[in-house]
């Protein structure tokens, strides 16, 4: 069975003789792997997914880059997007801001790469990162946006409507190609609970997600949602909206067995191998043990993709990365 079929069956909660996996690396970690193991190593890893990201950045100088919405990111956080330097929406108003149009040419180039013959056996997803809440705070600022949810709710609704309009315009181009699914990235969780709480999530984020999910479902494609942190309170909401797969599923946050029992028949969990604890700080044997345990618990009756809980940063040793691969590539 090829990887695409394996992932499709996994999402359908069919028990297969192996569990799909994805080796997800930051650019810095990828460069480290190539330096230590050679440029051909990564092509030898049979990850089940092929992914392309919608985000585009323009370098300003060695310390800053600008995204397509105009936010300037400081690159002082290695392995992450960085911190936003400017505030494009200094007041709760859109009157002086113009949303960008999607870059159709680049989107089509990425879709052609995704659907090229070299990916015919992989499950393909187009990633729209910073897809709602994160896009909003990158324009307005986190503190301002959370305050606006209380004091300026009509502005927040208008801001989210414009972001959804942009995302749907991107999605409509992507849906012209035989891409298997859309992957929406948007961090809502803290180490414990939702950043904005379930009530404000349901007031602002839920309705916007429903619009995006409904369109993707109308095209009979898979929906994957990324959110770091604890979003347990809204798993039921997401399932009701049609979510197929949740990433990143952090074991230090969730009771893994309880979540599998409660939601495992309705949702596929993608992640589970901790980039917060075992991968950077464990021994290779501890990585193997944690990976095997996750496969045993989450892999019953399908519904699980083994992967790091976030793109592996370069503080993870090559030995620990190889220990993860040893387990997922040699399942019995």
Protein backbone atom coordinates (compact mmCIF):
# COMPACT_ATOMS: atom_id res chain seq x y z
CA UNK A 1 0.00 0.00 0.00
CA UNK A 2 1.39 3.42 -0.92
CA UNK A 3 1.62 6.25 1.59
CA UNK A 4 -1.31 8.19 0.16
CA UNK A 5 -3.65 5.20 0.55
CA UNK A 6 -2.28 4.53 4.02
CA UNK A 7 -3.07 8.07 5.18
CA UNK A 8 -6.53 7.98 3.59
CA UNK A 9 -7.32 4.72 5.39
CA UNK A 10 -5.89 6.04 8.64
CA UNK A 11 -8.16 9.11 8.48
CA UNK A 12 -11.06 6.71 7.80
CA UNK A 13 -10.07 4.89 11.04
CA UNK A 14 -9.17 1.65 9.36
CA UNK A 15 -6.61 -0.51 11.10
CA UNK A 16 -3.58 -1.08 8.87
CA UNK A 17 -0.39 -3.04 9.46
CA UNK A 18 1.62 0.15 9.83
CA UNK A 19 1.02 3.69 11.05
CA UNK A 20 1.83 6.63 8.75
CA UNK A 21 4.54 9.03 9.83
CA UNK A 22 5.98 12.40 8.91
CA UNK A 23 9.48 13.71 9.56
CA UNK A 24 8.94 17.44 10.06
CA UNK A 25 12.07 19.61 10.33
CA UNK A 26 12.74 23.32 10.61
CA UNK A 27 15.02 24.72 7.93
CA UNK A 28 17.83 24.97 10.48
CA UNK A 29 17.40 21.32 11.46
CA UNK A 30 17.21 20.28 7.82
CA UNK A 31 20.53 22.01 7.15
CA UNK A 32 22.04 20.29 10.20
CA UNK A 33 20.86 16.88 8.97
CA UNK A 34 22.26 17.48 5.49
CA UNK A 35 25.60 18.62 6.94
CA UNK A 36 25.94 15.57 9.20
CA UNK A 37 24.26 12.83 7.14
CA UNK A 38 24.62 14.02 3.56
CA UNK A 39 22.30 15.66 1.09
CA UNK A 40 20.73 12.37 -0.03
CA UNK A 41 19.60 11.31 3.44
CA UNK A 42 16.30 13.19 3.55
CA UNK A 43 15.22 11.87 0.16
CA UNK A 44 15.67 8.35 1.56
CA UNK A 45 13.15 8.98 4.37
CA UNK A 46 9.77 7.73 3.20
CA UNK A 47 7.57 10.33 4.93
CA UNK A 48 3.90 9.96 4.05
CA UNK A 49 3.18 13.63 3.33
CA UNK A 50 4.12 16.24 0.75
CA UNK A 51 3.46 19.79 1.91
CA UNK A 52 3.68 23.32 0.50
CA UNK A 53 3.25 26.52 2.53
CA UNK A 54 1.34 29.58 1.39
CA UNK A 55 3.50 32.04 3.36
CA UNK A 56 5.96 34.20 1.49
CA UNK A 57 8.56 36.50 3.04
CA UNK A 58 10.72 39.27 1.63
CA UNK A 59 14.09 39.81 3.30
CA UNK A 60 14.61 43.37 4.53
CA UNK A 61 18.04 42.78 6.05
CA UNK A 62 19.80 40.00 7.96
CA UNK A 63 17.61 40.54 11.03
CA UNK A 64 14.18 41.25 9.52
CA UNK A 65 11.76 40.00 6.90
CA UNK A 66 8.33 41.15 5.73
CA UNK A 67 5.36 38.87 5.07
CA UNK A 68 2.81 39.35 2.29
CA UNK A 69 0.44 41.20 4.65
CA UNK A 70 3.12 43.79 5.51
CA UNK A 71 4.08 42.54 8.99
CA UNK A 72 7.81 42.79 9.69
CA UNK A 73 9.26 39.86 11.62
CA UNK A 74 12.42 40.07 13.74
CA UNK A 75 14.52 36.96 13.22
CA UNK A 76 16.01 36.74 16.71
CA UNK A 77 14.15 33.52 17.60
CA UNK A 78 16.04 30.73 15.87
CA UNK A 79 13.81 28.07 14.35
CA UNK A 80 10.59 30.07 14.56
CA UNK A 81 8.86 32.90 12.73
CA UNK A 82 10.19 35.52 15.13
CA UNK A 83 8.49 38.54 16.71
CA UNK A 84 6.45 41.18 14.86
CA UNK A 85 8.23 44.55 14.88
CA UNK A 86 5.46 46.78 13.56
CA UNK A 87 1.76 47.20 14.26
CA UNK A 88 -0.15 47.68 11.02
CA UNK A 89 -3.49 48.24 12.74
CA UNK A 90 -2.71 50.75 15.48
CA UNK A 91 -6.41 51.36 16.12
CA UNK A 92 -9.42 49.01 15.89
CA UNK A 93 -10.23 50.00 12.31
CA UNK A 94 -9.54 48.70 8.80
CA UNK A 95 -10.12 52.00 7.01
CA UNK A 96 -6.41 52.63 6.38
CA UNK A 97 -5.38 49.04 5.62
CA UNK A 98 -5.76 47.16 2.35
CA UNK A 99 -5.65 43.38 2.39
CA UNK A 100 -3.33 41.77 -0.17
CA UNK A 101 -4.59 39.66 -3.03
CA UNK A 102 -3.31 36.08 -3.13
CA UNK A 103 -0.26 35.59 -5.34
CA UNK A 104 -1.96 33.33 -7.87
CA UNK A 105 1.19 32.53 -9.81
CA UNK A 106 3.09 31.32 -6.75
CA UNK A 107 0.11 29.35 -5.46
CA UNK A 108 -0.19 27.57 -8.78
CA UNK A 109 3.56 26.84 -8.85
CA UNK A 110 3.32 25.27 -5.40
CA UNK A 111 0.25 23.23 -6.35
CA UNK A 112 2.05 21.94 -9.43
CA UNK A 113 4.97 20.85 -7.23
CA UNK A 114 2.58 19.16 -4.82
CA UNK A 115 0.85 17.22 -7.59
CA UNK A 116 3.98 16.38 -9.57
CA UNK A 117 4.75 12.70 -10.35
CA UNK A 118 7.36 12.52 -7.58
CA UNK A 119 4.55 13.00 -5.02
CA UNK A 120 2.02 10.63 -6.57
CA UNK A 121 2.37 8.16 -3.68
CA UNK A 122 2.22 10.81 -0.94
CA UNK A 123 -0.70 12.50 0.80
CA UNK A 124 -0.53 16.11 -0.36
CA UNK A 125 -1.60 19.14 1.68
CA UNK A 126 -1.43 22.87 1.00
CA UNK A 127 -0.69 24.79 4.20
CA UNK A 128 -2.35 28.13 4.95
CA UNK A 129 -0.46 29.19 8.03
CA UNK A 130 -1.42 32.11 10.29
CA UNK A 131 -4.88 31.33 9.00
CA UNK A 132 -7.05 33.38 11.37
CA UNK A 133 -6.24 34.37 14.96
CA UNK A 134 -2.50 34.47 14.26
CA UNK A 135 -3.00 36.57 11.14
CA UNK A 136 -5.18 38.93 13.15
CA UNK A 137 -2.67 39.41 15.95
CA UNK A 138 0.23 39.79 13.51
CA UNK A 139 -1.63 42.83 12.16
CA UNK A 140 -3.10 44.22 15.38
CA UNK A 141 -0.85 42.87 18.18
CA UNK A 142 -1.79 40.09 20.59
CA UNK A 143 -2.71 42.29 23.56
CA UNK A 144 -4.72 44.66 21.37
CA UNK A 145 -6.61 41.84 19.67
CA UNK A 146 -7.55 40.10 22.92
CA UNK A 147 -8.71 43.44 24.34
CA UNK A 148 -10.70 44.08 21.14
CA UNK A 149 -12.57 40.81 21.62
CA UNK A 150 -14.06 42.40 24.75
CA UNK A 151 -14.23 46.09 23.84
CA UNK A 152 -14.44 46.14 20.02
CA UNK A 153 -16.17 42.92 18.95
CA UNK A 154 -17.52 44.32 15.68
CA UNK A 155 -13.98 45.22 14.59
CA UNK A 156 -12.73 41.71 15.41
CA UNK A 157 -15.57 40.20 13.39
CA UNK A 158 -14.78 42.46 10.44
CA UNK A 159 -11.06 41.65 10.68
CA UNK A 160 -11.74 37.92 10.74
CA UNK A 161 -14.17 38.19 7.82
CA UNK A 162 -11.45 39.81 5.71
CA UNK A 163 -8.93 37.12 6.66
CA UNK A 164 -11.43 34.40 5.78
CA UNK A 165 -12.07 36.08 2.43
CA UNK A 166 -8.33 35.95 1.69
CA UNK A 167 -8.08 32.30 2.77
CA UNK A 168 -11.06 31.30 0.64
CA UNK A 169 -9.53 33.02 -2.37
CA UNK A 170 -6.35 30.97 -1.84
CA UNK A 171 -8.37 27.80 -1.27
CA UNK A 172 -10.34 28.24 -4.50
CA UNK A 173 -7.11 28.29 -6.51
CA UNK A 174 -5.75 25.24 -4.66
CA UNK A 175 -8.97 23.31 -5.23
CA UNK A 176 -8.36 23.45 -8.99
CA UNK A 177 -5.60 20.87 -8.42
CA UNK A 178 -5.85 17.29 -7.14
CA UNK A 179 -4.40 18.21 -3.74
CA UNK A 180 -5.61 15.85 -1.01
CA UNK A 181 -6.25 18.42 1.68
CA UNK A 182 -5.85 21.86 3.18
CA UNK A 183 -3.84 22.33 6.35
CA UNK A 184 -4.81 25.39 8.40
CA UNK A 185 -2.24 26.65 10.92
CA UNK A 186 -3.41 28.77 13.85
CA UNK A 187 -2.22 28.56 17.49
CA UNK A 188 -5.05 28.96 20.02
CA UNK A 189 -3.72 27.07 23.03
CA UNK A 190 -1.54 27.72 26.03
CA UNK A 191 0.08 25.00 28.10
CA UNK A 192 -3.28 24.84 29.87
CA UNK A 193 -6.43 26.02 28.12
CA UNK A 194 -7.27 28.35 25.25
CA UNK A 195 -5.59 31.76 25.06
CA UNK A 196 -8.89 33.56 24.56
CA UNK A 197 -11.04 31.02 26.42
CA UNK A 198 -13.76 28.84 24.89
CA UNK A 199 -16.46 31.54 24.90
CA UNK A 200 -14.50 34.01 22.78
CA UNK A 201 -13.19 31.16 20.63
CA UNK A 202 -16.78 30.18 19.85
CA UNK A 203 -17.80 33.80 19.29
CA UNK A 204 -15.06 34.74 16.83
CA UNK A 205 -12.95 31.81 15.71
CA UNK A 206 -15.54 29.06 15.43
CA UNK A 207 -17.81 30.80 12.88
CA UNK A 208 -14.82 31.77 10.73
CA UNK A 209 -13.48 28.21 10.74
CA UNK A 210 -16.91 26.91 9.81
CA UNK A 211 -16.88 29.03 6.65
CA UNK A 212 -13.45 27.76 5.62
CA UNK A 213 -14.14 24.14 6.53
CA UNK A 214 -17.48 24.15 4.71
CA UNK A 215 -15.84 25.23 1.49
CA UNK A 216 -13.11 22.57 1.70
CA UNK A 217 -15.71 19.91 2.52
CA UNK A 218 -17.80 20.99 -0.47
CA UNK A 219 -14.81 19.97 -2.60
CA UNK A 220 -14.52 16.62 -0.81
CA UNK A 221 -11.03 17.29 0.50
CA UNK A 222 -9.43 16.56 3.86
CA UNK A 223 -9.10 19.27 6.52
CA UNK A 224 -6.14 19.35 8.89
CA UNK A 225 -5.96 21.93 11.67
CA UNK A 226 -2.78 22.83 13.51
CA UNK A 227 -2.85 24.45 16.90
CA UNK A 228 -0.15 24.28 19.52
CA UNK A 229 -1.28 24.14 23.11
CA UNK A 230 -4.33 22.84 24.95
CA UNK A 231 -7.49 23.05 22.82
CA UNK A 232 -9.34 20.18 24.50
CA UNK A 233 -12.38 22.38 25.18
CA UNK A 234 -13.16 22.76 21.47
CA UNK A 235 -12.41 19.29 20.08
CA UNK A 236 -16.15 18.64 19.94
CA UNK A 237 -16.75 21.90 18.06
CA UNK A 238 -14.05 21.07 15.53
CA UNK A 239 -15.40 17.57 14.94
CA UNK A 240 -18.91 18.98 14.41
CA UNK A 241 -17.49 21.39 11.80
CA UNK A 242 -15.95 18.50 9.87
CA UNK A 243 -12.31 18.53 10.97
CA UNK A 244 -10.53 15.33 9.90
CA UNK A 245 -7.06 15.64 11.41
CA UNK A 246 -5.62 17.57 14.35
CA UNK A 247 -1.97 18.52 14.67
CA UNK A 248 0.05 18.85 16.90
CA UNK A 249 -1.19 16.81 19.87
CA UNK A 250 1.31 17.44 22.67
CA UNK A 251 1.62 14.58 25.20
CA UNK A 252 2.72 16.90 28.02
CA UNK A 253 -0.65 18.66 27.69
CA UNK A 254 -3.17 15.89 27.03
CA UNK A 255 -4.03 12.63 28.73
CA UNK A 256 -3.21 10.64 25.62
CA UNK A 257 -5.26 7.52 26.40
CA UNK A 258 -8.29 9.57 27.47
CA UNK A 259 -8.23 11.70 24.32
CA UNK A 260 -7.96 8.58 22.16
CA UNK A 261 -10.91 6.99 23.94
CA UNK A 262 -13.05 10.12 23.81
CA UNK A 263 -12.31 11.43 20.31
CA UNK A 264 -10.35 8.69 18.57
CA UNK A 265 -13.29 7.44 16.51
CA UNK A 266 -13.97 10.91 15.06
CA UNK A 267 -10.61 12.62 14.74
CA UNK A 268 -7.16 11.65 13.47
CA UNK A 269 -4.33 12.86 15.69
CA UNK A 270 -1.10 13.92 13.99
CA UNK A 271 2.00 14.49 16.14
CA UNK A 272 2.49 13.17 19.64
CA UNK A 273 6.31 12.86 19.81
CA UNK A 274 7.33 15.73 22.04
CA UNK A 275 9.63 18.48 20.79
CA UNK A 276 9.19 20.06 24.23
CA UNK A 277 10.61 17.16 26.24
CA UNK A 278 11.74 13.79 24.94
CA UNK A 279 13.18 14.74 21.55
CA UNK A 280 15.48 17.55 22.78
CA UNK A 281 16.22 16.19 26.27
CA UNK A 282 15.75 12.42 26.20
CA UNK A 283 18.21 9.70 25.29
CA UNK A 284 17.79 7.85 21.98
CA UNK A 285 16.33 4.90 23.89
CA UNK A 286 13.83 7.18 25.63
CA UNK A 287 12.82 8.54 22.22
CA UNK A 288 12.29 4.99 20.96
CA UNK A 289 10.26 4.06 24.03
CA UNK A 290 8.08 7.18 23.83
CA UNK A 291 7.48 6.67 20.11
CA UNK A 292 6.52 3.01 20.55
CA UNK A 293 4.17 3.89 23.41
CA UNK A 294 2.46 6.55 21.29
CA UNK A 295 2.05 4.13 18.39
CA UNK A 296 0.56 1.51 20.72
CA UNK A 297 -1.97 3.86 22.33
CA UNK A 298 -2.94 6.13 19.45
CA UNK A 299 -2.61 3.69 16.55
CA UNK A 300 -5.47 1.37 17.54
CA UNK A 301 -8.19 1.35 14.88
CA UNK A 302 -6.39 3.97 12.81
CA UNK A 303 -6.69 7.68 13.43
CA UNK A 304 -3.03 8.43 14.16
CA UNK A 305 -0.07 9.87 12.24
CA UNK A 306 3.27 9.64 14.06
CA UNK A 307 5.22 12.90 13.92
CA UNK A 308 7.05 15.36 16.14
CA UNK A 309 4.73 17.77 17.90
CA UNK A 310 6.29 20.64 15.97
CA UNK A 311 8.89 20.95 13.25
CA UNK A 312 12.06 19.62 14.86
CA UNK A 313 14.40 22.51 15.77
CA UNK A 314 18.21 22.14 15.68
CA UNK A 315 18.50 21.61 19.46
CA UNK A 316 17.37 18.01 18.80
CA UNK A 317 20.29 15.69 18.28
CA UNK A 318 20.74 13.72 15.09
CA UNK A 319 20.79 10.57 17.25
CA UNK A 320 17.33 11.34 18.66
CA UNK A 321 15.92 12.10 15.23
CA UNK A 322 17.29 8.77 14.01
CA UNK A 323 15.77 7.01 17.02
CA UNK A 324 12.33 8.35 16.06
CA UNK A 325 12.87 7.19 12.48
CA UNK A 326 14.11 3.79 13.64
CA UNK A 327 10.74 3.09 15.25
CA UNK A 328 8.37 4.56 12.65
CA UNK A 329 10.25 3.12 9.66
CA UNK A 330 10.62 -0.35 11.16
CA UNK A 331 7.17 -1.09 12.53
CA UNK A 332 6.33 -4.74 13.17
